[in-house]
Amino acid sequence: MVIDNHKITVYYDKSCPSCVKDRQSFERIAGKRAEQFIWFDITNQDEALRKSDIQPIDALRNLHVKDAEGIIYSEMDAYSLIMKKIPLLAPIGLLISLPIIKPILSYFYRKSVDKRLICEGRLNK
């Protein structure tokens, strides 16, 4: 299932090398469909994030996406939405949204991101 061509805003951490690599991979695989994505760097954008109803700490710890209707998705739902807009990745986007898989991926995603942020000194735990 591929989602329509309306643009979505992806709130990502440009200070994170793996986040930048993820963006580059999505754009490469998307080809011309990469034009569907508006990439918004969350670095030093606390006020803009709050205006979009995203808490800065949440934006740092989880990927967020705003669809064309203004609905905010986070974590695995955000990844799923991005993938569903790219035909080659659409099956994976569907798979990661399955109720049996999503919580497992979410758990490991959160642990991985928090570990990275703690190591970088950007999150206290």
PDB file of N, CA and C in Angstrom:
ATOM      1  N   MET A   1       0.841  -1.184   0.000  1.00  0.00           N
ATOM      2  CA  MET A   1       0.000   0.000   0.000  1.00  0.00           C
ATOM      3  C   MET A   1       0.883   1.243   0.000  1.00  0.00           C
ATOM      4  N   VAL A   2       0.841   2.018  -1.047  1.00  0.00           N
ATOM      5  CA  VAL A   2       1.610   3.254  -1.148  1.00  0.00           C
ATOM      6  C   VAL A   2       0.669   4.414  -0.865  1.00  0.00           C
ATOM      7  N   ILE A   3       1.118   5.319  -0.003  1.00  0.00           N
ATOM      8  CA  ILE A   3       0.309   6.477   0.367  1.00  0.00           C
ATOM      9  C   ILE A   3       0.438   7.549  -0.716  1.00  0.00           C
ATOM     10  N   ASP A   4      -0.561   8.414  -0.843  1.00  0.00           N
ATOM     11  CA  ASP A   4      -0.618   9.437  -1.894  1.00  0.00           C
ATOM     12  C   ASP A   4       0.592  10.371  -1.905  1.00  0.00           C
ATOM     13  N   ASN A   5       0.571  11.318  -2.827  1.00  0.00           N
ATOM     14  CA  ASN A   5       1.727  12.175  -3.074  1.00  0.00           C
ATOM     15  C   ASN A   5       1.755  13.474  -2.276  1.00  0.00           C
ATOM     16  N   HIS A   6       0.914  13.650  -1.286  1.00  0.00           N
ATOM     17  CA  HIS A   6       0.958  14.867  -0.486  1.00  0.00           C
ATOM     18  C   HIS A   6       2.251  14.907   0.315  1.00  0.00           C
ATOM     19  N   LYS A   7       2.809  16.106   0.453  1.00  0.00           N
ATOM     20  CA  LYS A   7       4.076  16.244   1.174  1.00  0.00           C
ATOM     21  C   LYS A   7       3.887  16.025   2.669  1.00  0.00           C
ATOM     22  N   ILE A   8       4.923  15.469   3.263  1.00  0.00           N
ATOM     23  CA  ILE A   8       4.954  15.313   4.710  1.00  0.00           C
ATOM     24  C   ILE A   8       6.232  15.963   5.228  1.00  0.00           C
ATOM     25  N   THR A   9       6.168  16.447   6.465  1.00  0.00           N
ATOM     26  CA  THR A   9       7.331  17.044   7.112  1.00  0.00           C
ATOM     27  C   THR A   9       7.935  16.015   8.052  1.00  0.00           C
ATOM     28  N   VAL A  10       9.229  15.781   7.888  1.00  0.00           N
ATOM     29  CA  VAL A  10       9.952  14.838   8.733  1.00  0.00           C
ATOM     30  C   VAL A  10      10.839  15.650   9.668  1.00  0.00           C
ATOM     31  N   TYR A  11      10.592  15.539  10.968  1.00  0.00           N
ATOM     32  CA  TYR A  11      11.386  16.229  11.981  1.00  0.00           C
ATOM     33  C   TYR A  11      12.519  15.290  12.382  1.00  0.00           C
ATOM     34  N   TYR A  12      13.734  15.656  11.995  1.00  0.00           N
ATOM     35  CA  TYR A  12      14.852  14.760  12.271  1.00  0.00           C
ATOM     36  C   TYR A  12      16.007  15.524  12.907  1.00  0.00           C
ATOM     37  N   ASP A  13      16.924  14.786  13.503  1.00  0.00           N
ATOM     38  CA  ASP A  13      18.060  15.340  14.236  1.00  0.00           C
ATOM     39  C   ASP A  13      19.293  15.346  13.331  1.00  0.00           C
ATOM     40  N   LYS A  14      19.582  16.496  12.736  1.00  0.00           N
ATOM     41  CA  LYS A  14      20.721  16.607  11.825  1.00  0.00           C
ATOM     42  C   LYS A  14      22.054  16.485  12.565  1.00  0.00           C
ATOM     43  N   SER A  15      22.029  16.603  13.897  1.00  0.00           N
ATOM     44  CA  SER A  15      23.239  16.436  14.700  1.00  0.00           C
ATOM     45  C   SER A  15      23.591  14.968  14.898  1.00  0.00           C
ATOM     46  N   CYS A  16      22.707  14.088  14.462  1.00  0.00           N
ATOM     47  CA  CYS A  16      22.877  12.644  14.622  1.00  0.00           C
ATOM     48  C   CYS A  16      23.356  12.051  13.294  1.00  0.00           C
ATOM     49  N   PRO A  17      24.595  11.550  13.248  1.00  0.00           N
ATOM     50  CA  PRO A  17      25.110  10.990  11.993  1.00  0.00           C
ATOM     51  C   PRO A  17      24.245   9.864  11.423  1.00  0.00           C
ATOM     52  N   SER A  18      23.728   8.989  12.270  1.00  0.00           N
ATOM     53  CA  SER A  18      22.902   7.893  11.746  1.00  0.00           C
ATOM     54  C   SER A  18      21.557   8.414  11.227  1.00  0.00           C
ATOM     55  N   CYS A  19      21.051   9.500  11.819  1.00  0.00           N
ATOM     56  CA  CYS A  19      19.801  10.102  11.330  1.00  0.00           C
ATOM     57  C   CYS A  19      20.010  10.713   9.948  1.00  0.00           C
ATOM     58  N   VAL A  20      21.160  11.337   9.756  1.00  0.00           N
ATOM     59  CA  VAL A  20      21.492  11.921   8.454  1.00  0.00           C
ATOM     60  C   VAL A  20      21.643  10.810   7.416  1.00  0.00           C
ATOM     61  N   LYS A  21      22.292   9.710   7.807  1.00  0.00           N
ATOM     62  CA  LYS A  21      22.435   8.571   6.883  1.00  0.00           C
ATOM     63  C   LYS A  21      21.073   7.977   6.535  1.00  0.00           C
ATOM     64  N   ASP A  22      20.192   7.878   7.533  1.00  0.00           N
ATOM     65  CA  ASP A  22      18.832   7.379   7.273  1.00  0.00           C
ATOM     66  C   ASP A  22      18.131   8.270   6.251  1.00  0.00           C
ATOM     67  N   ARG A  23      18.252   9.583   6.444  1.00  0.00           N
ATOM     68  CA  ARG A  23      17.622  10.515   5.502  1.00  0.00           C
ATOM     69  C   ARG A  23      18.172  10.297   4.092  1.00  0.00           C
ATOM     70  N   GLN A  24      19.484  10.205   3.979  1.00  0.00           N
ATOM     71  CA  GLN A  24      20.104  10.009   2.667  1.00  0.00           C
ATOM     72  C   GLN A  24      19.640   8.705   2.028  1.00  0.00           C
ATOM     73  N   SER A  25      19.508   7.668   2.833  1.00  0.00           N
ATOM     74  CA  SER A  25      19.032   6.379   2.311  1.00  0.00           C
ATOM     75  C   SER A  25      17.595   6.485   1.814  1.00  0.00           C
ATOM     76  N   PHE A  26      16.736   7.109   2.612  1.00  0.00           N
ATOM     77  CA  PHE A  26      15.347   7.282   2.189  1.00  0.00           C
ATOM     78  C   PHE A  26      15.274   8.067   0.883  1.00  0.00           C
ATOM     79  N   GLU A  27      16.057   9.142   0.788  1.00  0.00           N
ATOM     80  CA  GLU A  27      16.026   9.972  -0.424  1.00  0.00           C
ATOM     81  C   GLU A  27      16.538   9.207  -1.641  1.00  0.00           C
ATOM     82  N   ARG A  28      17.585   8.431  -1.442  1.00  0.00           N
ATOM     83  CA  ARG A  28      18.152   7.651  -2.547  1.00  0.00           C
ATOM     84  C   ARG A  28      17.145   6.616  -3.040  1.00  0.00           C
ATOM     85  N   ILE A  29      16.552   5.886  -2.120  1.00  0.00           N
ATOM     86  CA  ILE A  29      15.586   4.847  -2.484  1.00  0.00           C
ATOM     87  C   ILE A  29      14.314   5.469  -3.074  1.00  0.00           C
ATOM     88  N   ALA A  30      13.915   6.617  -2.553  1.00  0.00           N
ATOM     89  CA  ALA A  30      12.686   7.272  -3.018  1.00  0.00           C
ATOM     90  C   ALA A  30      12.824   7.830  -4.430  1.00  0.00           C
ATOM     91  N   GLY A  31      14.039   8.172  -4.828  1.00  0.00           N
ATOM     92  CA  GLY A  31      14.229   8.761  -6.155  1.00  0.00           C
ATOM     93  C   GLY A  31      13.428  10.046  -6.286  1.00  0.00           C
ATOM     94  N   LYS A  32      12.636  10.154  -7.350  1.00  0.00           N
ATOM     95  CA  LYS A  32      11.830  11.366  -7.571  1.00  0.00           C
ATOM     96  C   LYS A  32      10.792  11.569  -6.476  1.00  0.00           C
ATOM     97  N   ARG A  33      10.395  10.503  -5.831  1.00  0.00           N
ATOM     98  CA  ARG A  33       9.408  10.622  -4.744  1.00  0.00           C
ATOM     99  C   ARG A  33       9.990  11.323  -3.512  1.00  0.00           C
ATOM    100  N   ALA A  34      11.297  11.540  -3.494  1.00  0.00           N
ATOM    101  CA  ALA A  34      11.921  12.250  -2.372  1.00  0.00           C
ATOM    102  C   ALA A  34      11.365  13.662  -2.236  1.00  0.00           C
ATOM    103  N   GLU A  35      10.794  14.184  -3.319  1.00  0.00           N
ATOM    104  CA  GLU A  35      10.195  15.522  -3.287  1.00  0.00           C
ATOM    105  C   GLU A  35       8.972  15.579  -2.375  1.00  0.00           C
ATOM    106  N   GLN A  36       8.464  14.423  -1.977  1.00  0.00           N
ATOM    107  CA  GLN A  36       7.302  14.362  -1.081  1.00  0.00           C
ATOM    108  C   GLN A  36       7.660  14.725   0.356  1.00  0.00           C
ATOM    109  N   PHE A  37       8.964  14.745   0.655  1.00  0.00           N
ATOM    110  CA  PHE A  37       9.413  14.938   2.028  1.00  0.00           C
ATOM    111  C   PHE A  37      10.007  16.325   2.233  1.00  0.00           C
ATOM    112  N   ILE A  38       9.601  16.968   3.307  1.00  0.00           N
ATOM    113  CA  ILE A  38      10.216  18.207   3.762  1.00  0.00           C
ATOM    114  C   ILE A  38      10.990  17.823   5.018  1.00  0.00           C
ATOM    115  N   TRP A  39      12.298  17.948   4.979  1.00  0.00           N
ATOM    116  CA  TRP A  39      13.139  17.547   6.104  1.00  0.00           C
ATOM    117  C   TRP A  39      13.409  18.762   6.981  1.00  0.00           C
ATOM    118  N   PHE A  40      12.975  18.688   8.236  1.00  0.00           N
ATOM    119  CA  PHE A  40      13.107  19.793   9.182  1.00  0.00           C
ATOM    120  C   PHE A  40      14.086  19.390  10.275  1.00  0.00           C
ATOM    121  N   ASP A  41      15.223  20.084  10.337  1.00  0.00           N
ATOM    122  CA  ASP A  41      16.236  19.814  11.358  1.00  0.00           C
ATOM    123  C   ASP A  41      15.754  20.381  12.691  1.00  0.00           C
ATOM    124  N   ILE A  42      15.663  19.536  13.704  1.00  0.00           N
ATOM    125  CA  ILE A  42      15.141  19.950  15.011  1.00  0.00           C
ATOM    126  C   ILE A  42      16.169  20.692  15.856  1.00  0.00           C
ATOM    127  N   THR A  43      17.426  20.709  15.442  1.00  0.00           N
ATOM    128  CA  THR A  43      18.490  21.330  16.226  1.00  0.00           C
ATOM    129  C   THR A  43      18.184  22.804  16.478  1.00  0.00           C
ATOM    130  N   ASN A  44      18.166  23.185  17.752  1.00  0.00           N
ATOM    131  CA  ASN A  44      17.912  24.567  18.180  1.00  0.00           C
ATOM    132  C   ASN A  44      16.577  25.113  17.662  1.00  0.00           C
ATOM    133  N   GLN A  45      15.578  24.271  17.550  1.00  0.00           N
ATOM    134  CA  GLN A  45      14.266  24.677  17.029  1.00  0.00           C
ATOM    135  C   GLN A  45      13.147  24.428  18.046  1.00  0.00           C
ATOM    136  N   ASP A  46      13.465  24.617  19.333  1.00  0.00           N
ATOM    137  CA  ASP A  46      12.494  24.317  20.390  1.00  0.00           C
ATOM    138  C   ASP A  46      11.160  25.043  20.202  1.00  0.00           C
ATOM    139  N   GLU A  47      11.209  26.330  19.884  1.00  0.00           N
ATOM    140  CA  GLU A  47       9.974  27.108  19.730  1.00  0.00           C
ATOM    141  C   GLU A  47       9.137  26.598  18.554  1.00  0.00           C
ATOM    142  N   ALA A  48       9.785  26.352  17.425  1.00  0.00           N
ATOM    143  CA  ALA A  48       9.066  25.843  16.246  1.00  0.00           C
ATOM    144  C   ALA A  48       8.455  24.475  16.532  1.00  0.00           C
ATOM    145  N   LEU A  49       9.177  23.650  17.283  1.00  0.00           N
ATOM    146  CA  LEU A  49       8.650  22.331  17.642  1.00  0.00           C
ATOM    147  C   LEU A  49       7.403  22.469  18.514  1.00  0.00           C
ATOM    148  N   ARG A  50       7.495  23.336  19.518  1.00  0.00           N
ATOM    149  CA  ARG A  50       6.343  23.528  20.406  1.00  0.00           C
ATOM    150  C   ARG A  50       5.129  24.044  19.630  1.00  0.00           C
ATOM    151  N   LYS A  51       5.362  24.916  18.659  1.00  0.00           N
ATOM    152  CA  LYS A  51       4.253  25.430  17.835  1.00  0.00           C
ATOM    153  C   LYS A  51       3.600  24.307  17.026  1.00  0.00           C
ATOM    154  N   SER A  52       4.365  23.252  16.773  1.00  0.00           N
ATOM    155  CA  SER A  52       3.824  22.082  16.062  1.00  0.00           C
ATOM    156  C   SER A  52       3.327  21.016  17.028  1.00  0.00           C
ATOM    157  N   ASP A  53       3.217  21.386  18.320  1.00  0.00           N
ATOM    158  CA  ASP A  53       2.765  20.461  19.368  1.00  0.00           C
ATOM    159  C   ASP A  53       3.693  19.270  19.553  1.00  0.00           C
ATOM    160  N   ILE A  54       4.998  19.520  19.391  1.00  0.00           N
ATOM    161  CA  ILE A  54       6.009  18.493  19.638  1.00  0.00           C
ATOM    162  C   ILE A  54       6.941  19.027  20.715  1.00  0.00           C
ATOM    163  N   GLN A  55       7.081  18.286  21.800  1.00  0.00           N
ATOM    164  CA  GLN A  55       8.013  18.693  22.839  1.00  0.00           C
ATOM    165  C   GLN A  55       9.440  18.442  22.350  1.00  0.00           C
ATOM    166  N   PRO A  56      10.358  19.397  22.555  1.00  0.00           N
ATOM    167  CA  PRO A  56      11.729  19.238  22.061  1.00  0.00           C
ATOM    168  C   PRO A  56      12.404  17.939  22.509  1.00  0.00           C
ATOM    169  N   ILE A  57      12.211  17.536  23.762  1.00  0.00           N
ATOM    170  CA  ILE A  57      12.835  16.293  24.231  1.00  0.00           C
ATOM    171  C   ILE A  57      12.252  15.093  23.496  1.00  0.00           C
ATOM    172  N   ASP A  58      10.964  15.143  23.182  1.00  0.00           N
ATOM    173  CA  ASP A  58      10.340  14.055  22.422  1.00  0.00           C
ATOM    174  C   ASP A  58      10.881  14.015  20.997  1.00  0.00           C
ATOM    175  N   ALA A  59      11.097  15.193  20.413  1.00  0.00           N
ATOM    176  CA  ALA A  59      11.650  15.256  19.053  1.00  0.00           C
ATOM    177  C   ALA A  59      13.064  14.695  19.022  1.00  0.00           C
ATOM    178  N   LEU A  60      13.806  14.922  20.102  1.00  0.00           N
ATOM    179  CA  LEU A  60      15.170  14.407  20.189  1.00  0.00           C
ATOM    180  C   LEU A  60      15.179  12.885  20.320  1.00  0.00           C
ATOM    181  N   ARG A  61      14.226  12.350  21.057  1.00  0.00           N
ATOM    182  CA  ARG A  61      14.207  10.920  21.349  1.00  0.00           C
ATOM    183  C   ARG A  61      13.434  10.074  20.351  1.00  0.00           C
ATOM    184  N   ASN A  62      12.573  10.701  19.540  1.00  0.00           N
ATOM    185  CA  ASN A  62      11.742   9.950  18.596  1.00  0.00           C
ATOM    186  C   ASN A  62      11.592  10.709  17.289  1.00  0.00           C
ATOM    187  N   LEU A  63      11.624   9.980  16.194  1.00  0.00           N
ATOM    188  CA  LEU A  63      11.333  10.577  14.898  1.00  0.00           C
ATOM    189  C   LEU A  63       9.870  11.014  14.883  1.00  0.00           C
ATOM    190  N   HIS A  64       9.610  12.195  14.337  1.00  0.00           N
ATOM    191  CA  HIS A  64       8.246  12.706  14.188  1.00  0.00           C
ATOM    192  C   HIS A  64       8.004  13.075  12.738  1.00  0.00           C
ATOM    193  N   VAL A  65       6.773  12.879  12.296  1.00  0.00           N
ATOM    194  CA  VAL A  65       6.357  13.223  10.941  1.00  0.00           C
ATOM    195  C   VAL A  65       5.000  13.909  11.037  1.00  0.00           C
ATOM    196  N   LYS A  66       4.836  14.982  10.258  1.00  0.00           N
ATOM    197  CA  LYS A  66       3.525  15.636  10.155  1.00  0.00           C
ATOM    198  C   LYS A  66       3.015  15.407   8.742  1.00  0.00           C
ATOM    199  N   ASP A  67       1.814  14.828   8.640  1.00  0.00           N
ATOM    200  CA  ASP A  67       1.262  14.554   7.309  1.00  0.00           C
ATOM    201  C   ASP A  67       0.600  15.800   6.724  1.00  0.00           C
ATOM    202  N   ALA A  68       0.077  15.679   5.530  1.00  0.00           N
ATOM    203  CA  ALA A  68      -0.516  16.813   4.818  1.00  0.00           C
ATOM    204  C   ALA A  68      -1.720  17.404   5.552  1.00  0.00           C
ATOM    205  N   GLU A  69      -2.366  16.611   6.396  1.00  0.00           N
ATOM    206  CA  GLU A  69      -3.519  17.087   7.165  1.00  0.00           C
ATOM    207  C   GLU A  69      -3.106  17.689   8.503  1.00  0.00           C
ATOM    208  N   GLY A  70      -1.808  17.679   8.807  1.00  0.00           N
ATOM    209  CA  GLY A  70      -1.310  18.241  10.057  1.00  0.00           C
ATOM    210  C   GLY A  70      -1.275  17.266  11.213  1.00  0.00           C
ATOM    211  N   ILE A  71      -1.535  16.000  10.959  1.00  0.00           N
ATOM    212  CA  ILE A  71      -1.496  14.978  12.009  1.00  0.00           C
ATOM    213  C   ILE A  71      -0.043  14.588  12.254  1.00  0.00           C
ATOM    214  N   ILE A  72       0.335  14.541  13.541  1.00  0.00           N
ATOM    215  CA  ILE A  72       1.699  14.192  13.931  1.00  0.00           C
ATOM    216  C   ILE A  72       1.770  12.701  14.254  1.00  0.00           C
ATOM    217  N   TYR A  73       2.777  12.042  13.692  1.00  0.00           N
ATOM    218  CA  TYR A  73       3.074  10.635  13.972  1.00  0.00           C
ATOM    219  C   TYR A  73       4.470  10.581  14.578  1.00  0.00           C
ATOM    220  N   SER A  74       4.702   9.619  15.459  1.00  0.00           N
ATOM    221  CA  SER A  74       6.034   9.508  16.052  1.00  0.00           C
ATOM    222  C   SER A  74       6.496   8.057  16.080  1.00  0.00           C
ATOM    223  N   GLU A  75       7.791   7.921  16.269  1.00  0.00           N
ATOM    224  CA  GLU A  75       8.452   6.634  16.417  1.00  0.00           C
ATOM    225  C   GLU A  75       8.131   5.698  15.257  1.00  0.00           C
ATOM    226  N   MET A  76       7.678   4.472  15.521  1.00  0.00           N
ATOM    227  CA  MET A  76       7.441   3.491  14.457  1.00  0.00           C
ATOM    228  C   MET A  76       6.333   3.931  13.500  1.00  0.00           C
ATOM    229  N   ASP A  77       5.343   4.655  14.015  1.00  0.00           N
ATOM    230  CA  ASP A  77       4.287   5.165  13.136  1.00  0.00           C
ATOM    231  C   ASP A  77       4.866   6.153  12.118  1.00  0.00           C
ATOM    232  N   ALA A  78       5.845   6.951  12.557  1.00  0.00           N
ATOM    233  CA  ALA A  78       6.493   7.908  11.649  1.00  0.00           C
ATOM    234  C   ALA A  78       7.306   7.174  10.585  1.00  0.00           C
ATOM    235  N   TYR A  79       8.094   6.191  11.020  1.00  0.00           N
ATOM    236  CA  TYR A  79       8.870   5.404  10.053  1.00  0.00           C
ATOM    237  C   TYR A  79       7.944   4.697   9.069  1.00  0.00           C
ATOM    238  N   SER A  80       6.867   4.145   9.572  1.00  0.00           N
ATOM    239  CA  SER A  80       5.913   3.441   8.722  1.00  0.00           C
ATOM    240  C   SER A  80       5.326   4.374   7.664  1.00  0.00           C
ATOM    241  N   LEU A  81       4.955   5.584   8.070  1.00  0.00           N
ATOM    242  CA  LEU A  81       4.384   6.546   7.129  1.00  0.00           C
ATOM    243  C   LEU A  81       5.384   6.904   6.028  1.00  0.00           C
ATOM    244  N   ILE A  82       6.634   7.146   6.416  1.00  0.00           N
ATOM    245  CA  ILE A  82       7.673   7.458   5.424  1.00  0.00           C
ATOM    246  C   ILE A  82       7.816   6.302   4.441  1.00  0.00           C
ATOM    247  N   MET A  83       7.941   5.104   4.975  1.00  0.00           N
ATOM    248  CA  MET A  83       8.161   3.934   4.121  1.00  0.00           C
ATOM    249  C   MET A  83       6.983   3.669   3.192  1.00  0.00           C
ATOM    250  N   LYS A  84       5.777   3.901   3.673  1.00  0.00           N
ATOM    251  CA  LYS A  84       4.594   3.658   2.845  1.00  0.00           C
ATOM    252  C   LYS A  84       4.495   4.630   1.671  1.00  0.00           C
ATOM    253  N   LYS A  85       5.223   5.728   1.722  1.00  0.00           N
ATOM    254  CA  LYS A  85       5.230   6.689   0.620  1.00  0.00           C
ATOM    255  C   LYS A  85       6.263   6.326  -0.448  1.00  0.00           C
ATOM    256  N   ILE A  86       7.070   5.298  -0.172  1.00  0.00           N
ATOM    257  CA  ILE A  86       8.110   4.858  -1.105  1.00  0.00           C
ATOM    258  C   ILE A  86       7.768   3.430  -1.527  1.00  0.00           C
ATOM    259  N   PRO A  87       7.392   3.213  -2.783  1.00  0.00           N
ATOM    260  CA  PRO A  87       6.922   1.886  -3.209  1.00  0.00           C
ATOM    261  C   PRO A  87       7.835   0.726  -2.799  1.00  0.00           C
ATOM    262  N   LEU A  88       9.129   0.885  -2.935  1.00  0.00           N
ATOM    263  CA  LEU A  88      10.056  -0.192  -2.593  1.00  0.00           C
ATOM    264  C   LEU A  88      10.023  -0.530  -1.099  1.00  0.00           C
ATOM    265  N   LEU A  89       9.739   0.469  -0.267  1.00  0.00           N
ATOM    266  CA  LEU A  89       9.737   0.268   1.187  1.00  0.00           C
ATOM    267  C   LEU A  89       8.339   0.065   1.773  1.00  0.00           C
ATOM    268  N   ALA A  90       7.308   0.226   0.955  1.00  0.00           N
ATOM    269  CA  ALA A  90       5.930   0.129   1.451  1.00  0.00           C
ATOM    270  C   ALA A  90       5.638  -1.178   2.195  1.00  0.00           C
ATOM    271  N   PRO A  91       6.107  -2.342   1.700  1.00  0.00           N
ATOM    272  CA  PRO A  91       5.842  -3.574   2.462  1.00  0.00           C
ATOM    273  C   PRO A  91       6.483  -3.559   3.851  1.00  0.00           C
ATOM    274  N   ILE A  92       7.667  -2.966   3.959  1.00  0.00           N
ATOM    275  CA  ILE A  92       8.326  -2.876   5.267  1.00  0.00           C
ATOM    276  C   ILE A  92       7.540  -1.922   6.162  1.00  0.00           C
ATOM    277  N   GLY A  93       7.059  -0.824   5.582  1.00  0.00           N
ATOM    278  CA  GLY A  93       6.244   0.122   6.342  1.00  0.00           C
ATOM    279  C   GLY A  93       5.003  -0.531   6.913  1.00  0.00           C
ATOM    280  N   LEU A  94       4.403  -1.403   6.140  1.00  0.00           N
ATOM    281  CA  LEU A  94       3.231  -2.142   6.610  1.00  0.00           C
ATOM    282  C   LEU A  94       3.634  -3.143   7.699  1.00  0.00           C
ATOM    283  N   LEU A  95       4.724  -3.843   7.481  1.00  0.00           N
ATOM    284  CA  LEU A  95       5.204  -4.851   8.427  1.00  0.00           C
ATOM    285  C   LEU A  95       5.511  -4.251   9.797  1.00  0.00           C
ATOM    286  N   ILE A  96       6.219  -3.112   9.825  1.00  0.00           N
ATOM    287  CA  ILE A  96       6.610  -2.538  11.120  1.00  0.00           C
ATOM    288  C   ILE A  96       5.430  -1.932  11.875  1.00  0.00           C
ATOM    289  N   SER A  97       4.294  -1.807  11.215  1.00  0.00           N
ATOM    290  CA  SER A  97       3.118  -1.275  11.902  1.00  0.00           C
ATOM    291  C   SER A  97       2.225  -2.381  12.480  1.00  0.00           C
ATOM    292  N   LEU A  98       2.599  -3.630  12.246  1.00  0.00           N
ATOM    293  CA  LEU A  98       1.803  -4.745  12.771  1.00  0.00           C
ATOM    294  C   LEU A  98       1.870  -4.788  14.299  1.00  0.00           C
ATOM    295  N   PRO A  99       0.743  -5.048  14.956  1.00  0.00           N
ATOM    296  CA  PRO A  99       0.685  -5.021  16.416  1.00  0.00           C
ATOM    297  C   PRO A  99       1.683  -5.943  17.120  1.00  0.00           C
ATOM    298  N   ILE A 100       2.059  -7.034  16.510  1.00  0.00           N
ATOM    299  CA  ILE A 100       3.007  -7.951  17.150  1.00  0.00           C
ATOM    300  C   ILE A 100       4.452  -7.472  16.993  1.00  0.00           C
ATOM    301  N   ILE A 101       4.736  -6.735  15.942  1.00  0.00           N
ATOM    302  CA  ILE A 101       6.103  -6.298  15.638  1.00  0.00           C
ATOM    303  C   ILE A 101       6.393  -4.903  16.182  1.00  0.00           C
ATOM    304  N   LYS A 102       5.437  -4.013  16.068  1.00  0.00           N
ATOM    305  CA  LYS A 102       5.635  -2.609  16.435  1.00  0.00           C
ATOM    306  C   LYS A 102       6.165  -2.406  17.859  1.00  0.00           C
ATOM    307  N   PRO A 103       5.592  -3.040  18.900  1.00  0.00           N
ATOM    308  CA  PRO A 103       6.102  -2.797  20.256  1.00  0.00           C
ATOM    309  C   PRO A 103       7.523  -3.311  20.465  1.00  0.00           C
ATOM    310  N   ILE A 104       7.870  -4.389  19.792  1.00  0.00           N
ATOM    311  CA  ILE A 104       9.231  -4.932  19.917  1.00  0.00           C
ATOM    312  C   ILE A 104      10.228  -3.968  19.287  1.00  0.00           C
ATOM    313  N   LEU A 105       9.933  -3.506  18.073  1.00  0.00           N
ATOM    314  CA  LEU A 105      10.808  -2.537  17.411  1.00  0.00           C
ATOM    315  C   LEU A 105      10.892  -1.240  18.207  1.00  0.00           C
ATOM    316  N   SER A 106       9.769  -0.799  18.755  1.00  0.00           N
ATOM    317  CA  SER A 106       9.741   0.433  19.551  1.00  0.00           C
ATOM    318  C   SER A 106      10.662   0.331  20.754  1.00  0.00           C
ATOM    319  N   TYR A 107      10.627  -0.799  21.423  1.00  0.00           N
ATOM    320  CA  TYR A 107      11.468  -1.010  22.600  1.00  0.00           C
ATOM    321  C   TYR A 107      12.946  -0.869  22.238  1.00  0.00           C
ATOM    322  N   PHE A 108      13.371  -1.572  21.208  1.00  0.00           N
ATOM    323  CA  PHE A 108      14.779  -1.518  20.812  1.00  0.00           C
ATOM    324  C   PHE A 108      15.158  -0.159  20.230  1.00  0.00           C
ATOM    325  N   TYR A 109      14.246   0.472  19.537  1.00  0.00           N
ATOM    326  CA  TYR A 109      14.475   1.815  18.998  1.00  0.00           C
ATOM    327  C   TYR A 109      14.745   2.797  20.140  1.00  0.00           C
ATOM    328  N   ARG A 110      13.866   2.798  21.156  1.00  0.00           N
ATOM    329  CA  ARG A 110      14.028   3.714  22.293  1.00  0.00           C
ATOM    330  C   ARG A 110      15.331   3.463  23.034  1.00  0.00           C
ATOM    331  N   LYS A 111      15.653   2.209  23.277  1.00  0.00           N
ATOM    332  CA  LYS A 111      16.900   1.884  23.976  1.00  0.00           C
ATOM    333  C   LYS A 111      18.105   2.379  23.185  1.00  0.00           C
ATOM    334  N   SER A 112      18.098   2.149  21.890  1.00  0.00           N
ATOM    335  CA  SER A 112      19.207   2.551  21.033  1.00  0.00           C
ATOM    336  C   SER A 112      19.374   4.071  20.999  1.00  0.00           C
ATOM    337  N   VAL A 113      18.276   4.781  20.816  1.00  0.00           N
ATOM    338  CA  VAL A 113      18.339   6.246  20.748  1.00  0.00           C
ATOM    339  C   VAL A 113      18.775   6.827  22.087  1.00  0.00           C
ATOM    340  N   ASP A 114      18.190   6.354  23.178  1.00  0.00           N
ATOM    341  CA  ASP A 114      18.568   6.867  24.494  1.00  0.00           C
ATOM    342  C   ASP A 114      20.039   6.600  24.788  1.00  0.00           C
ATOM    343  N   LYS A 115      20.524   5.428  24.432  1.00  0.00           N
ATOM    344  CA  LYS A 115      21.939   5.105  24.643  1.00  0.00           C
ATOM    345  C   LYS A 115      22.825   6.076  23.865  1.00  0.00           C
ATOM    346  N   ARG A 116      22.473   6.340  22.613  1.00  0.00           N
ATOM    347  CA  ARG A 116      23.257   7.267  21.790  1.00  0.00           C
ATOM    348  C   ARG A 116      23.247   8.665  22.394  1.00  0.00           C
ATOM    349  N   LEU A 117      22.075   9.133  22.803  1.00  0.00           N
ATOM    350  CA  LEU A 117      21.961  10.482  23.357  1.00  0.00           C
ATOM    351  C   LEU A 117      22.709  10.620  24.677  1.00  0.00           C
ATOM    352  N   ILE A 118      22.679   9.589  25.507  1.00  0.00           N
ATOM    353  CA  ILE A 118      23.414   9.609  26.773  1.00  0.00           C
ATOM    354  C   ILE A 118      24.913   9.652  26.497  1.00  0.00           C
ATOM    355  N   CYS A 119      25.383   8.833  25.570  1.00  0.00           N
ATOM    356  CA  CYS A 119      26.810   8.819  25.207  1.00  0.00           C
ATOM    357  C   CYS A 119      27.266  10.166  24.651  1.00  0.00           C
ATOM    358  N   GLU A 120      26.385  10.846  23.939  1.00  0.00           N
ATOM    359  CA  GLU A 120      26.703  12.158  23.362  1.00  0.00           C
ATOM    360  C   GLU A 120      26.556  13.281  24.387  1.00  0.00           C
ATOM    361  N   GLY A 121      26.046  12.956  25.584  1.00  0.00           N
ATOM    362  CA  GLY A 121      25.824  13.968  26.610  1.00  0.00           C
ATOM    363  C   GLY A 121      24.620  14.854  26.328  1.00  0.00           C
ATOM    364  N   ARG A 122      23.702  14.380  25.510  1.00  0.00           N
ATOM    365  CA  ARG A 122      22.528  15.167  25.137  1.00  0.00           C
ATOM    366  C   ARG A 122      21.277  14.736  25.888  1.00  0.00           C
ATOM    367  N   LEU A 123      21.405  13.687  26.719  1.00  0.00           N
ATOM    368  CA  LEU A 123      20.277  13.193  27.508  1.00  0.00           C
ATOM    369  C   LEU A 123      20.810  12.704  28.837  1.00  0.00           C
ATOM    370  N   ASN A 124      20.168  13.145  29.920  1.00  0.00           N
ATOM    371  CA  ASN A 124      20.558  12.695  31.258  1.00  0.00           C
ATOM    372  C   ASN A 124      19.662  11.552  31.678  1.00  0.00           C
ATOM    373  N   LYS A 125      20.259  10.490  32.155  1.00  0.00           N
ATOM    374  CA  LYS A 125      19.475   9.364  32.671  1.00  0.00           C
ATOM    375  C   LYS A 125      20.163   8.795  33.871  1.00  0.00           C
TER     376      LYS A 125
END
